[in-house]
């Protein structure tokens, strides 16, 4: 694949404001847009650990949280 394809694939969705990211929660994959500052919160860190255990890091372009 071309590098332009990879650049397009890794760019954030147009509806996600700068300084935010989209996360998908639960089995139904409900989507939330959250401030990136949440990534440093201890409870969010715990969710990231659980996400790594359940999903690993193979889901490119999206963050999935198992709650």
PDB file of N, CA and C in Angstrom:
ATOM      1  N   UNK A   1       0.828  -1.200   0.000  1.00  0.00           N
ATOM      2  CA  UNK A   1       0.000   0.000   0.000  1.00  0.00           C
ATOM      3  C   UNK A   1       0.861   1.246   0.000  1.00  0.00           C
ATOM      4  N   UNK A   2       0.343   2.266  -0.573  1.00  0.00           N
ATOM      5  CA  UNK A   2       1.122   3.504  -0.665  1.00  0.00           C
ATOM      6  C   UNK A   2       1.155   4.234   0.664  1.00  0.00           C
ATOM      7  N   UNK A   3       2.149   5.090   0.836  1.00  0.00           N
ATOM      8  CA  UNK A   3       2.242   5.859   2.072  1.00  0.00           C
ATOM      9  C   UNK A   3       1.113   6.871   2.189  1.00  0.00           C
ATOM     10  N   UNK A   4       0.577   7.351   1.071  1.00  0.00           N
ATOM     11  CA  UNK A   4      -0.556   8.272   1.157  1.00  0.00           C
ATOM     12  C   UNK A   4      -1.774   7.562   1.748  1.00  0.00           C
ATOM     13  N   UNK A   5      -1.959   6.288   1.408  1.00  0.00           N
ATOM     14  CA  UNK A   5      -3.051   5.514   1.991  1.00  0.00           C
ATOM     15  C   UNK A   5      -2.853   5.414   3.500  1.00  0.00           C
ATOM     16  N   UNK A   6      -1.639   5.126   3.940  1.00  0.00           N
ATOM     17  CA  UNK A   6      -1.366   5.000   5.366  1.00  0.00           C
ATOM     18  C   UNK A   6      -1.588   6.321   6.087  1.00  0.00           C
ATOM     19  N   UNK A   7      -1.217   7.416   5.488  1.00  0.00           N
ATOM     20  CA  UNK A   7      -1.444   8.727   6.095  1.00  0.00           C
ATOM     21  C   UNK A   7      -2.936   8.997   6.249  1.00  0.00           C
ATOM     22  N   UNK A   8      -3.709   8.708   5.215  1.00  0.00           N
ATOM     23  CA  UNK A   8      -5.160   8.904   5.297  1.00  0.00           C
ATOM     24  C   UNK A   8      -5.759   8.026   6.377  1.00  0.00           C
ATOM     25  N   UNK A   9      -5.303   6.799   6.470  1.00  0.00           N
ATOM     26  CA  UNK A   9      -5.844   5.842   7.409  1.00  0.00           C
ATOM     27  C   UNK A   9      -5.548   6.239   8.855  1.00  0.00           C
ATOM     28  N   UNK A  10      -4.416   6.903   9.106  1.00  0.00           N
ATOM     29  CA  UNK A  10      -4.041   7.232  10.465  1.00  0.00           C
ATOM     30  C   UNK A  10      -4.501   8.621  10.890  1.00  0.00           C
ATOM     31  N   UNK A  11      -5.052   9.406  10.002  1.00  0.00           N
ATOM     32  CA  UNK A  11      -5.504  10.740  10.387  1.00  0.00           C
ATOM     33  C   UNK A  11      -6.805  10.627  11.173  1.00  0.00           C
ATOM     34  N   UNK A  12      -7.011  11.545  12.136  1.00  0.00           N
ATOM     35  CA  UNK A  12      -8.223  11.466  12.956  1.00  0.00           C
ATOM     36  C   UNK A  12      -9.466  11.783  12.138  1.00  0.00           C
ATOM     37  N   UNK A  13     -10.611  11.248  12.561  1.00  0.00           N
ATOM     38  CA  UNK A  13     -11.860  11.578  11.871  1.00  0.00           C
ATOM     39  C   UNK A  13     -12.117  13.081  11.927  1.00  0.00           C
ATOM     40  N   UNK A  14     -12.796  13.607  10.940  1.00  0.00           N
ATOM     41  CA  UNK A  14     -13.019  15.054  10.860  1.00  0.00           C
ATOM     42  C   UNK A  14     -13.914  15.576  11.981  1.00  0.00           C
ATOM     43  N   UNK A  15     -14.689  14.713  12.628  1.00  0.00           N
ATOM     44  CA  UNK A  15     -15.571  15.175  13.702  1.00  0.00           C
ATOM     45  C   UNK A  15     -14.921  15.105  15.088  1.00  0.00           C
ATOM     46  N   UNK A  16     -13.622  14.804  15.150  1.00  0.00           N
ATOM     47  CA  UNK A  16     -12.898  14.769  16.417  1.00  0.00           C
ATOM     48  C   UNK A  16     -12.066  16.039  16.523  1.00  0.00           C
ATOM     49  N   UNK A  17     -12.414  16.923  17.475  1.00  0.00           N
ATOM     50  CA  UNK A  17     -11.678  18.182  17.605  1.00  0.00           C
ATOM     51  C   UNK A  17     -10.219  17.959  18.003  1.00  0.00           C
ATOM     52  N   UNK A  18      -9.385  18.919  17.654  1.00  0.00           N
ATOM     53  CA  UNK A  18      -7.976  18.863  18.048  1.00  0.00           C
ATOM     54  C   UNK A  18      -7.908  18.773  19.572  1.00  0.00           C
ATOM     55  N   UNK A  19      -7.026  17.904  20.066  1.00  0.00           N
ATOM     56  CA  UNK A  19      -6.891  17.713  21.506  1.00  0.00           C
ATOM     57  C   UNK A  19      -7.845  16.684  22.074  1.00  0.00           C
ATOM     58  N   UNK A  20      -8.536  15.964  21.198  1.00  0.00           N
ATOM     59  CA  UNK A  20      -9.496  14.937  21.614  1.00  0.00           C
ATOM     60  C   UNK A  20      -9.227  13.649  20.850  1.00  0.00           C
ATOM     61  N   UNK A  21      -9.863  12.556  21.299  1.00  0.00           N
ATOM     62  CA  UNK A  21      -9.789  11.314  20.552  1.00  0.00           C
ATOM     63  C   UNK A  21     -11.090  10.556  20.702  1.00  0.00           C
ATOM     64  N   UNK A  22     -11.359   9.692  19.743  1.00  0.00           N
ATOM     65  CA  UNK A  22     -12.567   8.878  19.778  1.00  0.00           C
ATOM     66  C   UNK A  22     -12.230   7.537  20.413  1.00  0.00           C
ATOM     67  N   UNK A  23     -13.110   7.073  21.300  1.00  0.00           N
ATOM     68  CA  UNK A  23     -12.973   5.746  21.890  1.00  0.00           C
ATOM     69  C   UNK A  23     -14.294   5.011  21.695  1.00  0.00           C
ATOM     70  N   UNK A  24     -14.210   3.699  21.587  1.00  0.00           N
ATOM     71  CA  UNK A  24     -15.374   2.847  21.404  1.00  0.00           C
ATOM     72  C   UNK A  24     -15.497   1.972  22.635  1.00  0.00           C
ATOM     73  N   UNK A  25     -16.702   1.966  23.246  1.00  0.00           N
ATOM     74  CA  UNK A  25     -16.880   1.362  24.557  1.00  0.00           C
ATOM     75  C   UNK A  25     -17.885   0.222  24.502  1.00  0.00           C
ATOM     76  N   UNK A  26     -17.515  -0.875  25.181  1.00  0.00           N
ATOM     77  CA  UNK A  26     -18.403  -2.015  25.339  1.00  0.00           C
ATOM     78  C   UNK A  26     -18.544  -2.857  24.094  1.00  0.00           C
ATOM     79  N   UNK A  27     -19.350  -3.908  24.241  1.00  0.00           N
ATOM     80  CA  UNK A  27     -19.558  -4.841  23.132  1.00  0.00           C
ATOM     81  C   UNK A  27     -20.246  -4.182  21.946  1.00  0.00           C
ATOM     82  N   UNK A  28     -21.117  -3.215  22.219  1.00  0.00           N
ATOM     83  CA  UNK A  28     -21.828  -2.549  21.123  1.00  0.00           C
ATOM     84  C   UNK A  28     -20.997  -1.469  20.452  1.00  0.00           C
ATOM     85  N   UNK A  29     -19.846  -1.138  21.034  1.00  0.00           N
ATOM     86  CA  UNK A  29     -18.941  -0.172  20.408  1.00  0.00           C
ATOM     87  C   UNK A  29     -19.461   1.251  20.396  1.00  0.00           C
ATOM     88  N   UNK A  30     -20.131   1.651  21.470  1.00  0.00           N
ATOM     89  CA  UNK A  30     -20.627   3.031  21.549  1.00  0.00           C
ATOM     90  C   UNK A  30     -19.451   3.999  21.495  1.00  0.00           C
ATOM     91  N   UNK A  31     -19.564   5.020  20.674  1.00  0.00           N
ATOM     92  CA  UNK A  31     -18.456   5.942  20.406  1.00  0.00           C
ATOM     93  C   UNK A  31     -18.565   7.197  21.261  1.00  0.00           C
ATOM     94  N   UNK A  32     -17.424   7.571  21.862  1.00  0.00           N
ATOM     95  CA  UNK A  32     -17.319   8.798  22.643  1.00  0.00           C
ATOM     96  C   UNK A  32     -16.098   9.564  22.169  1.00  0.00           C
ATOM     97  N   UNK A  33     -16.194  10.881  22.190  1.00  0.00           N
ATOM     98  CA  UNK A  33     -15.054  11.751  21.893  1.00  0.00           C
ATOM     99  C   UNK A  33     -14.650  12.385  23.224  1.00  0.00           C
ATOM    100  N   UNK A  34     -13.398  12.151  23.628  1.00  0.00           N
ATOM    101  CA  UNK A  34     -12.936  12.599  24.942  1.00  0.00           C
ATOM    102  C   UNK A  34     -11.673  13.449  24.796  1.00  0.00           C
ATOM    103  N   UNK A  35     -11.414  14.331  25.771  1.00  0.00           N
ATOM    104  CA  UNK A  35     -10.168  15.105  25.754  1.00  0.00           C
ATOM    105  C   UNK A  35      -8.965  14.172  25.980  1.00  0.00           C
ATOM    106  N   UNK A  36      -7.863  14.430  25.306  1.00  0.00           N
ATOM    107  CA  UNK A  36      -6.685  13.572  25.490  1.00  0.00           C
ATOM    108  C   UNK A  36      -6.139  13.663  26.906  1.00  0.00           C
ATOM    109  N   UNK A  37      -6.468  14.705  27.655  1.00  0.00           N
ATOM    110  CA  UNK A  37      -6.012  14.818  29.042  1.00  0.00           C
ATOM    111  C   UNK A  37      -6.535  13.673  29.903  1.00  0.00           C
ATOM    112  N   UNK A  38      -7.648  13.043  29.499  1.00  0.00           N
ATOM    113  CA  UNK A  38      -8.183  11.897  30.244  1.00  0.00           C
ATOM    114  C   UNK A  38      -7.211  10.724  30.259  1.00  0.00           C
ATOM    115  N   UNK A  39      -6.327  10.654  29.274  1.00  0.00           N
ATOM    116  CA  UNK A  39      -5.394   9.531  29.195  1.00  0.00           C
ATOM    117  C   UNK A  39      -4.480   9.442  30.414  1.00  0.00           C
ATOM    118  N   UNK A  40      -4.288  10.543  31.135  1.00  0.00           N
ATOM    119  CA  UNK A  40      -3.425  10.550  32.317  1.00  0.00           C
ATOM    120  C   UNK A  40      -4.164  10.234  33.611  1.00  0.00           C
ATOM    121  N   UNK A  41      -5.491  10.140  33.583  1.00  0.00           N
ATOM    122  CA  UNK A  41      -6.274   9.887  34.792  1.00  0.00           C
ATOM    123  C   UNK A  41      -6.082   8.424  35.225  1.00  0.00           C
ATOM    124  N   UNK A  42      -5.903   8.167  36.538  1.00  0.00           N
ATOM    125  CA  UNK A  42      -5.680   6.787  37.017  1.00  0.00           C
ATOM    126  C   UNK A  42      -6.783   5.801  36.624  1.00  0.00           C
ATOM    127  N   UNK A  43      -8.039   6.219  36.655  1.00  0.00           N
ATOM    128  CA  UNK A  43      -9.118   5.298  36.264  1.00  0.00           C
ATOM    129  C   UNK A  43      -9.057   4.973  34.773  1.00  0.00           C
ATOM    130  N   UNK A  44      -8.719   5.954  33.976  1.00  0.00           N
ATOM    131  CA  UNK A  44      -8.591   5.713  32.541  1.00  0.00           C
ATOM    132  C   UNK A  44      -7.403   4.794  32.273  1.00  0.00           C
ATOM    133  N   UNK A  45      -6.323   4.958  33.025  1.00  0.00           N
ATOM    134  CA  UNK A  45      -5.160   4.078  32.883  1.00  0.00           C
ATOM    135  C   UNK A  45      -5.554   2.626  33.149  1.00  0.00           C
ATOM    136  N   UNK A  46      -6.410   2.402  34.143  1.00  0.00           N
ATOM    137  CA  UNK A  46      -6.888   1.051  34.443  1.00  0.00           C
ATOM    138  C   UNK A  46      -7.717   0.500  33.278  1.00  0.00           C
ATOM    139  N   UNK A  47      -8.558   1.334  32.689  1.00  0.00           N
ATOM    140  CA  UNK A  47      -9.329   0.908  31.518  1.00  0.00           C
ATOM    141  C   UNK A  47      -8.411   0.545  30.354  1.00  0.00           C
ATOM    142  N   UNK A  48      -7.333   1.292  30.183  1.00  0.00           N
ATOM    143  CA  UNK A  48      -6.379   0.979  29.117  1.00  0.00           C
ATOM    144  C   UNK A  48      -5.716  -0.377  29.340  1.00  0.00           C
ATOM    145  N   UNK A  49      -5.395  -0.687  30.589  1.00  0.00           N
ATOM    146  CA  UNK A  49      -4.804  -2.003  30.902  1.00  0.00           C
ATOM    147  C   UNK A  49      -5.777  -3.119  30.556  1.00  0.00           C
ATOM    148  N   UNK A  50      -7.047  -2.949  30.947  1.00  0.00           N
ATOM    149  CA  UNK A  50      -8.056  -3.966  30.640  1.00  0.00           C
ATOM    150  C   UNK A  50      -8.265  -4.094  29.138  1.00  0.00           C
ATOM    151  N   UNK A  51      -8.227  -2.963  28.449  1.00  0.00           N
ATOM    152  CA  UNK A  51      -8.375  -2.977  27.004  1.00  0.00           C
ATOM    153  C   UNK A  51      -7.235  -3.748  26.345  1.00  0.00           C
ATOM    154  N   UNK A  52      -6.022  -3.526  26.827  1.00  0.00           N
ATOM    155  CA  UNK A  52      -4.872  -4.247  26.277  1.00  0.00           C
ATOM    156  C   UNK A  52      -5.031  -5.750  26.485  1.00  0.00           C
ATOM    157  N   UNK A  53      -5.495  -6.147  27.666  1.00  0.00           N
ATOM    158  CA  UNK A  53      -5.686  -7.573  27.958  1.00  0.00           C
ATOM    159  C   UNK A  53      -6.740  -8.196  27.051  1.00  0.00           C
ATOM    160  N   UNK A  54      -7.833  -7.475  26.831  1.00  0.00           N
ATOM    161  CA  UNK A  54      -8.936  -8.038  26.052  1.00  0.00           C
ATOM    162  C   UNK A  54      -8.747  -7.915  24.548  1.00  0.00           C
ATOM    163  N   UNK A  55      -8.260  -6.759  24.080  1.00  0.00           N
ATOM    164  CA  UNK A  55      -8.188  -6.494  22.649  1.00  0.00           C
ATOM    165  C   UNK A  55      -6.774  -6.478  22.085  1.00  0.00           C
ATOM    166  N   UNK A  56      -5.769  -6.277  22.935  1.00  0.00           N
ATOM    167  CA  UNK A  56      -4.413  -6.110  22.438  1.00  0.00           C
ATOM    168  C   UNK A  56      -4.282  -4.763  21.753  1.00  0.00           C
ATOM    169  N   UNK A  57      -3.224  -4.598  20.976  1.00  0.00           N
ATOM    170  CA  UNK A  57      -3.002  -3.327  20.279  1.00  0.00           C
ATOM    171  C   UNK A  57      -3.058  -3.509  18.775  1.00  0.00           C
ATOM    172  N   UNK A  58      -3.865  -4.432  18.308  1.00  0.00           N
ATOM    173  CA  UNK A  58      -3.939  -4.690  16.871  1.00  0.00           C
ATOM    174  C   UNK A  58      -5.074  -3.946  16.183  1.00  0.00           C
ATOM    175  N   UNK A  59      -5.881  -3.183  16.905  1.00  0.00           N
ATOM    176  CA  UNK A  59      -6.999  -2.457  16.308  1.00  0.00           C
ATOM    177  C   UNK A  59      -6.525  -1.083  15.870  1.00  0.00           C
ATOM    178  N   UNK A  60      -6.093  -0.988  14.641  1.00  0.00           N
ATOM    179  CA  UNK A  60      -5.550   0.256  14.101  1.00  0.00           C
ATOM    180  C   UNK A  60      -6.658   1.289  13.917  1.00  0.00           C
ATOM    181  N   UNK A  61      -6.361   2.527  14.298  1.00  0.00           N
ATOM    182  CA  UNK A  61      -7.272   3.625  14.042  1.00  0.00           C
ATOM    183  C   UNK A  61      -8.407   3.789  15.036  1.00  0.00           C
ATOM    184  N   UNK A  62      -8.512   2.915  16.023  1.00  0.00           N
ATOM    185  CA  UNK A  62      -9.597   3.048  16.989  1.00  0.00           C
ATOM    186  C   UNK A  62      -9.151   2.509  18.339  1.00  0.00           C
ATOM    187  N   UNK A  63      -9.630   3.142  19.390  1.00  0.00           N
ATOM    188  CA  UNK A  63      -9.378   2.653  20.741  1.00  0.00           C
ATOM    189  C   UNK A  63     -10.654   2.007  21.243  1.00  0.00           C
ATOM    190  N   UNK A  64     -10.561   0.752  21.690  1.00  0.00           N
ATOM    191  CA  UNK A  64     -11.706   0.009  22.198  1.00  0.00           C
ATOM    192  C   UNK A  64     -11.526  -0.224  23.690  1.00  0.00           C
ATOM    193  N   UNK A  65     -12.574   0.063  24.469  1.00  0.00           N
ATOM    194  CA  UNK A  65     -12.543  -0.144  25.909  1.00  0.00           C
ATOM    195  C   UNK A  65     -13.614  -1.142  26.314  1.00  0.00           C
ATOM    196  N   UNK A  66     -13.252  -2.169  27.093  1.00  0.00           N
ATOM    197  CA  UNK A  66     -14.183  -3.247  27.435  1.00  0.00           C
ATOM    198  C   UNK A  66     -14.999  -2.967  28.696  1.00  0.00           C
ATOM    199  N   UNK A  67     -15.830  -1.961  28.676  1.00  0.00           N
ATOM    200  CA  UNK A  67     -16.650  -1.707  29.872  1.00  0.00           C
ATOM    201  C   UNK A  67     -18.066  -1.371  29.479  1.00  0.00           C
TER     202      UNK A  67
END
